[in-house]
Amino acid sequence: RPPFGTEEGSLPYSKPTQLFTPLGW
């Protein structure tokens, strides 16, 4: 749901694992 998504200004997250940094996860 907004504000997540691929549109300009949206948050570029789509799953909970992105709460972490890539190395951290």
PDBML (XML) file of the C-alpha atoms, coordinates in Angstrom:
<?xml version="1.0" encoding="UTF-8" ?>
<PDBx:datablock datablockName="MODEL"
   xmlns:PDBx="http://pdbml.pdb.org/schema/pdbx-v50.xsd"
   xmlns:xsi="http://www.w3.org/2001/XMLSchema-instance"
   xsi:schemaLocation="http://pdbml.pdb.org/schema/pdbx-v50.xsd pdbx-v50.xsd">
   <PDBx:atom_siteCategory>
      <PDBx:atom_site id="1">
         <PDBx:B_iso_or_equiv>0.00</PDBx:B_iso_or_equiv>
         <PDBx:Cartn_x>0.000</PDBx:Cartn_x>
         <PDBx:Cartn_y>0.000</PDBx:Cartn_y>
         <PDBx:Cartn_z>0.000</PDBx:Cartn_z>
         <PDBx:auth_asym_id>A</PDBx:auth_asym_id>
         <PDBx:auth_atom_id>CA</PDBx:auth_atom_id>
         <PDBx:auth_comp_id>ARG</PDBx:auth_comp_id>
         <PDBx:auth_seq_id>1</PDBx:auth_seq_id>
         <PDBx:group_PDB>ATOM</PDBx:group_PDB>
         <PDBx:label_alt_id xsi:nil="true" />
         <PDBx:label_asym_id>A</PDBx:label_asym_id>
         <PDBx:label_atom_id>CA</PDBx:label_atom_id>
         <PDBx:label_comp_id>ARG</PDBx:label_comp_id>
         <PDBx:label_entity_id>1</PDBx:label_entity_id>
         <PDBx:label_seq_id>1</PDBx:label_seq_id>
         <PDBx:occupancy>1.00</PDBx:occupancy>
         <PDBx:pdbx_PDB_model_num>1</PDBx:pdbx_PDB_model_num>
         <PDBx:type_symbol>C</PDBx:type_symbol>
      </PDBx:atom_site>
      <PDBx:atom_site id="2">
         <PDBx:B_iso_or_equiv>0.00</PDBx:B_iso_or_equiv>
         <PDBx:Cartn_x>1.092</PDBx:Cartn_x>
         <PDBx:Cartn_y>3.663</PDBx:Cartn_y>
         <PDBx:Cartn_z>-0.312</PDBx:Cartn_z>
         <PDBx:auth_asym_id>A</PDBx:auth_asym_id>
         <PDBx:auth_atom_id>CA</PDBx:auth_atom_id>
         <PDBx:auth_comp_id>PRO</PDBx:auth_comp_id>
         <PDBx:auth_seq_id>2</PDBx:auth_seq_id>
         <PDBx:group_PDB>ATOM</PDBx:group_PDB>
         <PDBx:label_alt_id xsi:nil="true" />
         <PDBx:label_asym_id>A</PDBx:label_asym_id>
         <PDBx:label_atom_id>CA</PDBx:label_atom_id>
         <PDBx:label_comp_id>PRO</PDBx:label_comp_id>
         <PDBx:label_entity_id>1</PDBx:label_entity_id>
         <PDBx:label_seq_id>2</PDBx:label_seq_id>
         <PDBx:occupancy>1.00</PDBx:occupancy>
         <PDBx:pdbx_PDB_model_num>1</PDBx:pdbx_PDB_model_num>
         <PDBx:type_symbol>C</PDBx:type_symbol>
      </PDBx:atom_site>
      <PDBx:atom_site id="3">
         <PDBx:B_iso_or_equiv>0.00</PDBx:B_iso_or_equiv>
         <PDBx:Cartn_x>3.541</PDBx:Cartn_x>
         <PDBx:Cartn_y>5.152</PDBx:Cartn_y>
         <PDBx:Cartn_z>0.525</PDBx:Cartn_z>
         <PDBx:auth_asym_id>A</PDBx:auth_asym_id>
         <PDBx:auth_atom_id>CA</PDBx:auth_atom_id>
         <PDBx:auth_comp_id>PRO</PDBx:auth_comp_id>
         <PDBx:auth_seq_id>3</PDBx:auth_seq_id>
         <PDBx:group_PDB>ATOM</PDBx:group_PDB>
         <PDBx:label_alt_id xsi:nil="true" />
         <PDBx:label_asym_id>A</PDBx:label_asym_id>
         <PDBx:label_atom_id>CA</PDBx:label_atom_id>
         <PDBx:label_comp_id>PRO</PDBx:label_comp_id>
         <PDBx:label_entity_id>1</PDBx:label_entity_id>
         <PDBx:label_seq_id>3</PDBx:label_seq_id>
         <PDBx:occupancy>1.00</PDBx:occupancy>
         <PDBx:pdbx_PDB_model_num>1</PDBx:pdbx_PDB_model_num>
         <PDBx:type_symbol>C</PDBx:type_symbol>
      </PDBx:atom_site>
      <PDBx:atom_site id="4">
         <PDBx:B_iso_or_equiv>0.00</PDBx:B_iso_or_equiv>
         <PDBx:Cartn_x>5.332</PDBx:Cartn_x>
         <PDBx:Cartn_y>1.998</PDBx:Cartn_y>
         <PDBx:Cartn_z>-0.669</PDBx:Cartn_z>
         <PDBx:auth_asym_id>A</PDBx:auth_asym_id>
         <PDBx:auth_atom_id>CA</PDBx:auth_atom_id>
         <PDBx:auth_comp_id>PHE</PDBx:auth_comp_id>
         <PDBx:auth_seq_id>4</PDBx:auth_seq_id>
         <PDBx:group_PDB>ATOM</PDBx:group_PDB>
         <PDBx:label_alt_id xsi:nil="true" />
         <PDBx:label_asym_id>A</PDBx:label_asym_id>
         <PDBx:label_atom_id>CA</PDBx:label_atom_id>
         <PDBx:label_comp_id>PHE</PDBx:label_comp_id>
         <PDBx:label_entity_id>1</PDBx:label_entity_id>
         <PDBx:label_seq_id>4</PDBx:label_seq_id>
         <PDBx:occupancy>1.00</PDBx:occupancy>
         <PDBx:pdbx_PDB_model_num>1</PDBx:pdbx_PDB_model_num>
         <PDBx:type_symbol>C</PDBx:type_symbol>
      </PDBx:atom_site>
      <PDBx:atom_site id="5">
         <PDBx:B_iso_or_equiv>0.00</PDBx:B_iso_or_equiv>
         <PDBx:Cartn_x>5.765</PDBx:Cartn_x>
         <PDBx:Cartn_y>1.438</PDBx:Cartn_y>
         <PDBx:Cartn_z>-4.398</PDBx:Cartn_z>
         <PDBx:auth_asym_id>A</PDBx:auth_asym_id>
         <PDBx:auth_atom_id>CA</PDBx:auth_atom_id>
         <PDBx:auth_comp_id>GLY</PDBx:auth_comp_id>
         <PDBx:auth_seq_id>5</PDBx:auth_seq_id>
         <PDBx:group_PDB>ATOM</PDBx:group_PDB>
         <PDBx:label_alt_id xsi:nil="true" />
         <PDBx:label_asym_id>A</PDBx:label_asym_id>
         <PDBx:label_atom_id>CA</PDBx:label_atom_id>
         <PDBx:label_comp_id>GLY</PDBx:label_comp_id>
         <PDBx:label_entity_id>1</PDBx:label_entity_id>
         <PDBx:label_seq_id>5</PDBx:label_seq_id>
         <PDBx:occupancy>1.00</PDBx:occupancy>
         <PDBx:pdbx_PDB_model_num>1</PDBx:pdbx_PDB_model_num>
         <PDBx:type_symbol>C</PDBx:type_symbol>
      </PDBx:atom_site>
      <PDBx:atom_site id="6">
         <PDBx:B_iso_or_equiv>0.00</PDBx:B_iso_or_equiv>
         <PDBx:Cartn_x>7.869</PDBx:Cartn_x>
         <PDBx:Cartn_y>2.205</PDBx:Cartn_y>
         <PDBx:Cartn_z>-7.440</PDBx:Cartn_z>
         <PDBx:auth_asym_id>A</PDBx:auth_asym_id>
         <PDBx:auth_atom_id>CA</PDBx:auth_atom_id>
         <PDBx:auth_comp_id>THR</PDBx:auth_comp_id>
         <PDBx:auth_seq_id>6</PDBx:auth_seq_id>
         <PDBx:group_PDB>ATOM</PDBx:group_PDB>
         <PDBx:label_alt_id xsi:nil="true" />
         <PDBx:label_asym_id>A</PDBx:label_asym_id>
         <PDBx:label_atom_id>CA</PDBx:label_atom_id>
         <PDBx:label_comp_id>THR</PDBx:label_comp_id>
         <PDBx:label_entity_id>1</PDBx:label_entity_id>
         <PDBx:label_seq_id>6</PDBx:label_seq_id>
         <PDBx:occupancy>1.00</PDBx:occupancy>
         <PDBx:pdbx_PDB_model_num>1</PDBx:pdbx_PDB_model_num>
         <PDBx:type_symbol>C</PDBx:type_symbol>
      </PDBx:atom_site>
      <PDBx:atom_site id="7">
         <PDBx:B_iso_or_equiv>0.00</PDBx:B_iso_or_equiv>
         <PDBx:Cartn_x>6.438</PDBx:Cartn_x>
         <PDBx:Cartn_y>5.636</PDBx:Cartn_y>
         <PDBx:Cartn_z>-8.202</PDBx:Cartn_z>
         <PDBx:auth_asym_id>A</PDBx:auth_asym_id>
         <PDBx:auth_atom_id>CA</PDBx:auth_atom_id>
         <PDBx:auth_comp_id>GLU</PDBx:auth_comp_id>
         <PDBx:auth_seq_id>7</PDBx:auth_seq_id>
         <PDBx:group_PDB>ATOM</PDBx:group_PDB>
         <PDBx:label_alt_id xsi:nil="true" />
         <PDBx:label_asym_id>A</PDBx:label_asym_id>
         <PDBx:label_atom_id>CA</PDBx:label_atom_id>
         <PDBx:label_comp_id>GLU</PDBx:label_comp_id>
         <PDBx:label_entity_id>1</PDBx:label_entity_id>
         <PDBx:label_seq_id>7</PDBx:label_seq_id>
         <PDBx:occupancy>1.00</PDBx:occupancy>
         <PDBx:pdbx_PDB_model_num>1</PDBx:pdbx_PDB_model_num>
         <PDBx:type_symbol>C</PDBx:type_symbol>
      </PDBx:atom_site>
      <PDBx:atom_site id="8">
         <PDBx:B_iso_or_equiv>0.00</PDBx:B_iso_or_equiv>
         <PDBx:Cartn_x>8.563</PDBx:Cartn_x>
         <PDBx:Cartn_y>8.724</PDBx:Cartn_y>
         <PDBx:Cartn_z>-7.678</PDBx:Cartn_z>
         <PDBx:auth_asym_id>A</PDBx:auth_asym_id>
         <PDBx:auth_atom_id>CA</PDBx:auth_atom_id>
         <PDBx:auth_comp_id>GLU</PDBx:auth_comp_id>
         <PDBx:auth_seq_id>8</PDBx:auth_seq_id>
         <PDBx:group_PDB>ATOM</PDBx:group_PDB>
         <PDBx:label_alt_id xsi:nil="true" />
         <PDBx:label_asym_id>A</PDBx:label_asym_id>
         <PDBx:label_atom_id>CA</PDBx:label_atom_id>
         <PDBx:label_comp_id>GLU</PDBx:label_comp_id>
         <PDBx:label_entity_id>1</PDBx:label_entity_id>
         <PDBx:label_seq_id>8</PDBx:label_seq_id>
         <PDBx:occupancy>1.00</PDBx:occupancy>
         <PDBx:pdbx_PDB_model_num>1</PDBx:pdbx_PDB_model_num>
         <PDBx:type_symbol>C</PDBx:type_symbol>
      </PDBx:atom_site>
      <PDBx:atom_site id="9">
         <PDBx:B_iso_or_equiv>0.00</PDBx:B_iso_or_equiv>
         <PDBx:Cartn_x>8.582</PDBx:Cartn_x>
         <PDBx:Cartn_y>9.767</PDBx:Cartn_y>
         <PDBx:Cartn_z>-4.036</PDBx:Cartn_z>
         <PDBx:auth_asym_id>A</PDBx:auth_asym_id>
         <PDBx:auth_atom_id>CA</PDBx:auth_atom_id>
         <PDBx:auth_comp_id>GLY</PDBx:auth_comp_id>
         <PDBx:auth_seq_id>9</PDBx:auth_seq_id>
         <PDBx:group_PDB>ATOM</PDBx:group_PDB>
         <PDBx:label_alt_id xsi:nil="true" />
         <PDBx:label_asym_id>A</PDBx:label_asym_id>
         <PDBx:label_atom_id>CA</PDBx:label_atom_id>
         <PDBx:label_comp_id>GLY</PDBx:label_comp_id>
         <PDBx:label_entity_id>1</PDBx:label_entity_id>
         <PDBx:label_seq_id>9</PDBx:label_seq_id>
         <PDBx:occupancy>1.00</PDBx:occupancy>
         <PDBx:pdbx_PDB_model_num>1</PDBx:pdbx_PDB_model_num>
         <PDBx:type_symbol>C</PDBx:type_symbol>
      </PDBx:atom_site>
      <PDBx:atom_site id="10">
         <PDBx:B_iso_or_equiv>0.00</PDBx:B_iso_or_equiv>
         <PDBx:Cartn_x>7.373</PDBx:Cartn_x>
         <PDBx:Cartn_y>6.384</PDBx:Cartn_y>
         <PDBx:Cartn_z>-2.794</PDBx:Cartn_z>
         <PDBx:auth_asym_id>A</PDBx:auth_asym_id>
         <PDBx:auth_atom_id>CA</PDBx:auth_atom_id>
         <PDBx:auth_comp_id>SER</PDBx:auth_comp_id>
         <PDBx:auth_seq_id>10</PDBx:auth_seq_id>
         <PDBx:group_PDB>ATOM</PDBx:group_PDB>
         <PDBx:label_alt_id xsi:nil="true" />
         <PDBx:label_asym_id>A</PDBx:label_asym_id>
         <PDBx:label_atom_id>CA</PDBx:label_atom_id>
         <PDBx:label_comp_id>SER</PDBx:label_comp_id>
         <PDBx:label_entity_id>1</PDBx:label_entity_id>
         <PDBx:label_seq_id>10</PDBx:label_seq_id>
         <PDBx:occupancy>1.00</PDBx:occupancy>
         <PDBx:pdbx_PDB_model_num>1</PDBx:pdbx_PDB_model_num>
         <PDBx:type_symbol>C</PDBx:type_symbol>
      </PDBx:atom_site>
      <PDBx:atom_site id="11">
         <PDBx:B_iso_or_equiv>0.00</PDBx:B_iso_or_equiv>
         <PDBx:Cartn_x>9.324</PDBx:Cartn_x>
         <PDBx:Cartn_y>4.233</PDBx:Cartn_y>
         <PDBx:Cartn_z>-0.359</PDBx:Cartn_z>
         <PDBx:auth_asym_id>A</PDBx:auth_asym_id>
         <PDBx:auth_atom_id>CA</PDBx:auth_atom_id>
         <PDBx:auth_comp_id>LEU</PDBx:auth_comp_id>
         <PDBx:auth_seq_id>11</PDBx:auth_seq_id>
         <PDBx:group_PDB>ATOM</PDBx:group_PDB>
         <PDBx:label_alt_id xsi:nil="true" />
         <PDBx:label_asym_id>A</PDBx:label_asym_id>
         <PDBx:label_atom_id>CA</PDBx:label_atom_id>
         <PDBx:label_comp_id>LEU</PDBx:label_comp_id>
         <PDBx:label_entity_id>1</PDBx:label_entity_id>
         <PDBx:label_seq_id>11</PDBx:label_seq_id>
         <PDBx:occupancy>1.00</PDBx:occupancy>
         <PDBx:pdbx_PDB_model_num>1</PDBx:pdbx_PDB_model_num>
         <PDBx:type_symbol>C</PDBx:type_symbol>
      </PDBx:atom_site>
      <PDBx:atom_site id="12">
         <PDBx:B_iso_or_equiv>0.00</PDBx:B_iso_or_equiv>
         <PDBx:Cartn_x>11.303</PDBx:Cartn_x>
         <PDBx:Cartn_y>1.623</PDBx:Cartn_y>
         <PDBx:Cartn_z>-2.340</PDBx:Cartn_z>
         <PDBx:auth_asym_id>A</PDBx:auth_asym_id>
         <PDBx:auth_atom_id>CA</PDBx:auth_atom_id>
         <PDBx:auth_comp_id>PRO</PDBx:auth_comp_id>
         <PDBx:auth_seq_id>12</PDBx:auth_seq_id>
         <PDBx:group_PDB>ATOM</PDBx:group_PDB>
         <PDBx:label_alt_id xsi:nil="true" />
         <PDBx:label_asym_id>A</PDBx:label_asym_id>
         <PDBx:label_atom_id>CA</PDBx:label_atom_id>
         <PDBx:label_comp_id>PRO</PDBx:label_comp_id>
         <PDBx:label_entity_id>1</PDBx:label_entity_id>
         <PDBx:label_seq_id>12</PDBx:label_seq_id>
         <PDBx:occupancy>1.00</PDBx:occupancy>
         <PDBx:pdbx_PDB_model_num>1</PDBx:pdbx_PDB_model_num>
         <PDBx:type_symbol>C</PDBx:type_symbol>
      </PDBx:atom_site>
      <PDBx:atom_site id="13">
         <PDBx:B_iso_or_equiv>0.00</PDBx:B_iso_or_equiv>
         <PDBx:Cartn_x>10.529</PDBx:Cartn_x>
         <PDBx:Cartn_y>-1.271</PDBx:Cartn_y>
         <PDBx:Cartn_z>-0.009</PDBx:Cartn_z>
         <PDBx:auth_asym_id>A</PDBx:auth_asym_id>
         <PDBx:auth_atom_id>CA</PDBx:auth_atom_id>
         <PDBx:auth_comp_id>TYR</PDBx:auth_comp_id>
         <PDBx:auth_seq_id>13</PDBx:auth_seq_id>
         <PDBx:group_PDB>ATOM</PDBx:group_PDB>
         <PDBx:label_alt_id xsi:nil="true" />
         <PDBx:label_asym_id>A</PDBx:label_asym_id>
         <PDBx:label_atom_id>CA</PDBx:label_atom_id>
         <PDBx:label_comp_id>TYR</PDBx:label_comp_id>
         <PDBx:label_entity_id>1</PDBx:label_entity_id>
         <PDBx:label_seq_id>13</PDBx:label_seq_id>
         <PDBx:occupancy>1.00</PDBx:occupancy>
         <PDBx:pdbx_PDB_model_num>1</PDBx:pdbx_PDB_model_num>
         <PDBx:type_symbol>C</PDBx:type_symbol>
      </PDBx:atom_site>
      <PDBx:atom_site id="14">
         <PDBx:B_iso_or_equiv>0.00</PDBx:B_iso_or_equiv>
         <PDBx:Cartn_x>8.374</PDBx:Cartn_x>
         <PDBx:Cartn_y>-4.292</PDBx:Cartn_y>
         <PDBx:Cartn_z>-0.716</PDBx:Cartn_z>
         <PDBx:auth_asym_id>A</PDBx:auth_asym_id>
         <PDBx:auth_atom_id>CA</PDBx:auth_atom_id>
         <PDBx:auth_comp_id>SER</PDBx:auth_comp_id>
         <PDBx:auth_seq_id>14</PDBx:auth_seq_id>
         <PDBx:group_PDB>ATOM</PDBx:group_PDB>
         <PDBx:label_alt_id xsi:nil="true" />
         <PDBx:label_asym_id>A</PDBx:label_asym_id>
         <PDBx:label_atom_id>CA</PDBx:label_atom_id>
         <PDBx:label_comp_id>SER</PDBx:label_comp_id>
         <PDBx:label_entity_id>1</PDBx:label_entity_id>
         <PDBx:label_seq_id>14</PDBx:label_seq_id>
         <PDBx:occupancy>1.00</PDBx:occupancy>
         <PDBx:pdbx_PDB_model_num>1</PDBx:pdbx_PDB_model_num>
         <PDBx:type_symbol>C</PDBx:type_symbol>
      </PDBx:atom_site>
      <PDBx:atom_site id="15">
         <PDBx:B_iso_or_equiv>0.00</PDBx:B_iso_or_equiv>
         <PDBx:Cartn_x>9.117</PDBx:Cartn_x>
         <PDBx:Cartn_y>-6.806</PDBx:Cartn_y>
         <PDBx:Cartn_z>2.041</PDBx:Cartn_z>
         <PDBx:auth_asym_id>A</PDBx:auth_asym_id>
         <PDBx:auth_atom_id>CA</PDBx:auth_atom_id>
         <PDBx:auth_comp_id>LYS</PDBx:auth_comp_id>
         <PDBx:auth_seq_id>15</PDBx:auth_seq_id>
         <PDBx:group_PDB>ATOM</PDBx:group_PDB>
         <PDBx:label_alt_id xsi:nil="true" />
         <PDBx:label_asym_id>A</PDBx:label_asym_id>
         <PDBx:label_atom_id>CA</PDBx:label_atom_id>
         <PDBx:label_comp_id>LYS</PDBx:label_comp_id>
         <PDBx:label_entity_id>1</PDBx:label_entity_id>
         <PDBx:label_seq_id>15</PDBx:label_seq_id>
         <PDBx:occupancy>1.00</PDBx:occupancy>
         <PDBx:pdbx_PDB_model_num>1</PDBx:pdbx_PDB_model_num>
         <PDBx:type_symbol>C</PDBx:type_symbol>
      </PDBx:atom_site>
      <PDBx:atom_site id="16">
         <PDBx:B_iso_or_equiv>0.00</PDBx:B_iso_or_equiv>
         <PDBx:Cartn_x>10.003</PDBx:Cartn_x>
         <PDBx:Cartn_y>-6.851</PDBx:Cartn_y>
         <PDBx:Cartn_z>5.753</PDBx:Cartn_z>
         <PDBx:auth_asym_id>A</PDBx:auth_asym_id>
         <PDBx:auth_atom_id>CA</PDBx:auth_atom_id>
         <PDBx:auth_comp_id>PRO</PDBx:auth_comp_id>
         <PDBx:auth_seq_id>16</PDBx:auth_seq_id>
         <PDBx:group_PDB>ATOM</PDBx:group_PDB>
         <PDBx:label_alt_id xsi:nil="true" />
         <PDBx:label_asym_id>A</PDBx:label_asym_id>
         <PDBx:label_atom_id>CA</PDBx:label_atom_id>
         <PDBx:label_comp_id>PRO</PDBx:label_comp_id>
         <PDBx:label_entity_id>1</PDBx:label_entity_id>
         <PDBx:label_seq_id>16</PDBx:label_seq_id>
         <PDBx:occupancy>1.00</PDBx:occupancy>
         <PDBx:pdbx_PDB_model_num>1</PDBx:pdbx_PDB_model_num>
         <PDBx:type_symbol>C</PDBx:type_symbol>
      </PDBx:atom_site>
      <PDBx:atom_site id="17">
         <PDBx:B_iso_or_equiv>0.00</PDBx:B_iso_or_equiv>
         <PDBx:Cartn_x>13.583</PDBx:Cartn_x>
         <PDBx:Cartn_y>-8.077</PDBx:Cartn_y>
         <PDBx:Cartn_z>5.199</PDBx:Cartn_z>
         <PDBx:auth_asym_id>A</PDBx:auth_asym_id>
         <PDBx:auth_atom_id>CA</PDBx:auth_atom_id>
         <PDBx:auth_comp_id>THR</PDBx:auth_comp_id>
         <PDBx:auth_seq_id>17</PDBx:auth_seq_id>
         <PDBx:group_PDB>ATOM</PDBx:group_PDB>
         <PDBx:label_alt_id xsi:nil="true" />
         <PDBx:label_asym_id>A</PDBx:label_asym_id>
         <PDBx:label_atom_id>CA</PDBx:label_atom_id>
         <PDBx:label_comp_id>THR</PDBx:label_comp_id>
         <PDBx:label_entity_id>1</PDBx:label_entity_id>
         <PDBx:label_seq_id>17</PDBx:label_seq_id>
         <PDBx:occupancy>1.00</PDBx:occupancy>
         <PDBx:pdbx_PDB_model_num>1</PDBx:pdbx_PDB_model_num>
         <PDBx:type_symbol>C</PDBx:type_symbol>
      </PDBx:atom_site>
      <PDBx:atom_site id="18">
         <PDBx:B_iso_or_equiv>0.00</PDBx:B_iso_or_equiv>
         <PDBx:Cartn_x>14.343</PDBx:Cartn_x>
         <PDBx:Cartn_y>-4.640</PDBx:Cartn_y>
         <PDBx:Cartn_z>3.783</PDBx:Cartn_z>
         <PDBx:auth_asym_id>A</PDBx:auth_asym_id>
         <PDBx:auth_atom_id>CA</PDBx:auth_atom_id>
         <PDBx:auth_comp_id>GLN</PDBx:auth_comp_id>
         <PDBx:auth_seq_id>18</PDBx:auth_seq_id>
         <PDBx:group_PDB>ATOM</PDBx:group_PDB>
         <PDBx:label_alt_id xsi:nil="true" />
         <PDBx:label_asym_id>A</PDBx:label_asym_id>
         <PDBx:label_atom_id>CA</PDBx:label_atom_id>
         <PDBx:label_comp_id>GLN</PDBx:label_comp_id>
         <PDBx:label_entity_id>1</PDBx:label_entity_id>
         <PDBx:label_seq_id>18</PDBx:label_seq_id>
         <PDBx:occupancy>1.00</PDBx:occupancy>
         <PDBx:pdbx_PDB_model_num>1</PDBx:pdbx_PDB_model_num>
         <PDBx:type_symbol>C</PDBx:type_symbol>
      </PDBx:atom_site>
      <PDBx:atom_site id="19">
         <PDBx:B_iso_or_equiv>0.00</PDBx:B_iso_or_equiv>
         <PDBx:Cartn_x>14.004</PDBx:Cartn_x>
         <PDBx:Cartn_y>-3.272</PDBx:Cartn_y>
         <PDBx:Cartn_z>7.312</PDBx:Cartn_z>
         <PDBx:auth_asym_id>A</PDBx:auth_asym_id>
         <PDBx:auth_atom_id>CA</PDBx:auth_atom_id>
         <PDBx:auth_comp_id>LEU</PDBx:auth_comp_id>
         <PDBx:auth_seq_id>19</PDBx:auth_seq_id>
         <PDBx:group_PDB>ATOM</PDBx:group_PDB>
         <PDBx:label_alt_id xsi:nil="true" />
         <PDBx:label_asym_id>A</PDBx:label_asym_id>
         <PDBx:label_atom_id>CA</PDBx:label_atom_id>
         <PDBx:label_comp_id>LEU</PDBx:label_comp_id>
         <PDBx:label_entity_id>1</PDBx:label_entity_id>
         <PDBx:label_seq_id>19</PDBx:label_seq_id>
         <PDBx:occupancy>1.00</PDBx:occupancy>
         <PDBx:pdbx_PDB_model_num>1</PDBx:pdbx_PDB_model_num>
         <PDBx:type_symbol>C</PDBx:type_symbol>
      </PDBx:atom_site>
      <PDBx:atom_site id="20">
         <PDBx:B_iso_or_equiv>0.00</PDBx:B_iso_or_equiv>
         <PDBx:Cartn_x>17.631</PDBx:Cartn_x>
         <PDBx:Cartn_y>-4.410</PDBx:Cartn_y>
         <PDBx:Cartn_z>7.587</PDBx:Cartn_z>
         <PDBx:auth_asym_id>A</PDBx:auth_asym_id>
         <PDBx:auth_atom_id>CA</PDBx:auth_atom_id>
         <PDBx:auth_comp_id>PHE</PDBx:auth_comp_id>
         <PDBx:auth_seq_id>20</PDBx:auth_seq_id>
         <PDBx:group_PDB>ATOM</PDBx:group_PDB>
         <PDBx:label_alt_id xsi:nil="true" />
         <PDBx:label_asym_id>A</PDBx:label_asym_id>
         <PDBx:label_atom_id>CA</PDBx:label_atom_id>
         <PDBx:label_comp_id>PHE</PDBx:label_comp_id>
         <PDBx:label_entity_id>1</PDBx:label_entity_id>
         <PDBx:label_seq_id>20</PDBx:label_seq_id>
         <PDBx:occupancy>1.00</PDBx:occupancy>
         <PDBx:pdbx_PDB_model_num>1</PDBx:pdbx_PDB_model_num>
         <PDBx:type_symbol>C</PDBx:type_symbol>
      </PDBx:atom_site>
      <PDBx:atom_site id="21">
         <PDBx:B_iso_or_equiv>0.00</PDBx:B_iso_or_equiv>
         <PDBx:Cartn_x>20.675</PDBx:Cartn_x>
         <PDBx:Cartn_y>-3.442</PDBx:Cartn_y>
         <PDBx:Cartn_z>5.557</PDBx:Cartn_z>
         <PDBx:auth_asym_id>A</PDBx:auth_asym_id>
         <PDBx:auth_atom_id>CA</PDBx:auth_atom_id>
         <PDBx:auth_comp_id>THR</PDBx:auth_comp_id>
         <PDBx:auth_seq_id>21</PDBx:auth_seq_id>
         <PDBx:group_PDB>ATOM</PDBx:group_PDB>
         <PDBx:label_alt_id xsi:nil="true" />
         <PDBx:label_asym_id>A</PDBx:label_asym_id>
         <PDBx:label_atom_id>CA</PDBx:label_atom_id>
         <PDBx:label_comp_id>THR</PDBx:label_comp_id>
         <PDBx:label_entity_id>1</PDBx:label_entity_id>
         <PDBx:label_seq_id>21</PDBx:label_seq_id>
         <PDBx:occupancy>1.00</PDBx:occupancy>
         <PDBx:pdbx_PDB_model_num>1</PDBx:pdbx_PDB_model_num>
         <PDBx:type_symbol>C</PDBx:type_symbol>
      </PDBx:atom_site>
      <PDBx:atom_site id="22">
         <PDBx:B_iso_or_equiv>0.00</PDBx:B_iso_or_equiv>
         <PDBx:Cartn_x>21.541</PDBx:Cartn_x>
         <PDBx:Cartn_y>-6.039</PDBx:Cartn_y>
         <PDBx:Cartn_z>2.845</PDBx:Cartn_z>
         <PDBx:auth_asym_id>A</PDBx:auth_asym_id>
         <PDBx:auth_atom_id>CA</PDBx:auth_atom_id>
         <PDBx:auth_comp_id>PRO</PDBx:auth_comp_id>
         <PDBx:auth_seq_id>22</PDBx:auth_seq_id>
         <PDBx:group_PDB>ATOM</PDBx:group_PDB>
         <PDBx:label_alt_id xsi:nil="true" />
         <PDBx:label_asym_id>A</PDBx:label_asym_id>
         <PDBx:label_atom_id>CA</PDBx:label_atom_id>
         <PDBx:label_comp_id>PRO</PDBx:label_comp_id>
         <PDBx:label_entity_id>1</PDBx:label_entity_id>
         <PDBx:label_seq_id>22</PDBx:label_seq_id>
         <PDBx:occupancy>1.00</PDBx:occupancy>
         <PDBx:pdbx_PDB_model_num>1</PDBx:pdbx_PDB_model_num>
         <PDBx:type_symbol>C</PDBx:type_symbol>
      </PDBx:atom_site>
      <PDBx:atom_site id="23">
         <PDBx:B_iso_or_equiv>0.00</PDBx:B_iso_or_equiv>
         <PDBx:Cartn_x>24.688</PDBx:Cartn_x>
         <PDBx:Cartn_y>-7.138</PDBx:Cartn_y>
         <PDBx:Cartn_z>4.709</PDBx:Cartn_z>
         <PDBx:auth_asym_id>A</PDBx:auth_asym_id>
         <PDBx:auth_atom_id>CA</PDBx:auth_atom_id>
         <PDBx:auth_comp_id>LEU</PDBx:auth_comp_id>
         <PDBx:auth_seq_id>23</PDBx:auth_seq_id>
         <PDBx:group_PDB>ATOM</PDBx:group_PDB>
         <PDBx:label_alt_id xsi:nil="true" />
         <PDBx:label_asym_id>A</PDBx:label_asym_id>
         <PDBx:label_atom_id>CA</PDBx:label_atom_id>
         <PDBx:label_comp_id>LEU</PDBx:label_comp_id>
         <PDBx:label_entity_id>1</PDBx:label_entity_id>
         <PDBx:label_seq_id>23</PDBx:label_seq_id>
         <PDBx:occupancy>1.00</PDBx:occupancy>
         <PDBx:pdbx_PDB_model_num>1</PDBx:pdbx_PDB_model_num>
         <PDBx:type_symbol>C</PDBx:type_symbol>
      </PDBx:atom_site>
      <PDBx:atom_site id="24">
         <PDBx:B_iso_or_equiv>0.00</PDBx:B_iso_or_equiv>
         <PDBx:Cartn_x>22.835</PDBx:Cartn_x>
         <PDBx:Cartn_y>-7.160</PDBx:Cartn_y>
         <PDBx:Cartn_z>8.019</PDBx:Cartn_z>
         <PDBx:auth_asym_id>A</PDBx:auth_asym_id>
         <PDBx:auth_atom_id>CA</PDBx:auth_atom_id>
         <PDBx:auth_comp_id>GLY</PDBx:auth_comp_id>
         <PDBx:auth_seq_id>24</PDBx:auth_seq_id>
         <PDBx:group_PDB>ATOM</PDBx:group_PDB>
         <PDBx:label_alt_id xsi:nil="true" />
         <PDBx:label_asym_id>A</PDBx:label_asym_id>
         <PDBx:label_atom_id>CA</PDBx:label_atom_id>
         <PDBx:label_comp_id>GLY</PDBx:label_comp_id>
         <PDBx:label_entity_id>1</PDBx:label_entity_id>
         <PDBx:label_seq_id>24</PDBx:label_seq_id>
         <PDBx:occupancy>1.00</PDBx:occupancy>
         <PDBx:pdbx_PDB_model_num>1</PDBx:pdbx_PDB_model_num>
         <PDBx:type_symbol>C</PDBx:type_symbol>
      </PDBx:atom_site>
      <PDBx:atom_site id="25">
         <PDBx:B_iso_or_equiv>0.00</PDBx:B_iso_or_equiv>
         <PDBx:Cartn_x>20.076</PDBx:Cartn_x>
         <PDBx:Cartn_y>-9.422</PDBx:Cartn_y>
         <PDBx:Cartn_z>6.728</PDBx:Cartn_z>
         <PDBx:auth_asym_id>A</PDBx:auth_asym_id>
         <PDBx:auth_atom_id>CA</PDBx:auth_atom_id>
         <PDBx:auth_comp_id>TRP</PDBx:auth_comp_id>
         <PDBx:auth_seq_id>25</PDBx:auth_seq_id>
         <PDBx:group_PDB>ATOM</PDBx:group_PDB>
         <PDBx:label_alt_id xsi:nil="true" />
         <PDBx:label_asym_id>A</PDBx:label_asym_id>
         <PDBx:label_atom_id>CA</PDBx:label_atom_id>
         <PDBx:label_comp_id>TRP</PDBx:label_comp_id>
         <PDBx:label_entity_id>1</PDBx:label_entity_id>
         <PDBx:label_seq_id>25</PDBx:label_seq_id>
         <PDBx:occupancy>1.00</PDBx:occupancy>
         <PDBx:pdbx_PDB_model_num>1</PDBx:pdbx_PDB_model_num>
         <PDBx:type_symbol>C</PDBx:type_symbol>
      </PDBx:atom_site>
   </PDBx:atom_siteCategory>
</PDBx:datablock>
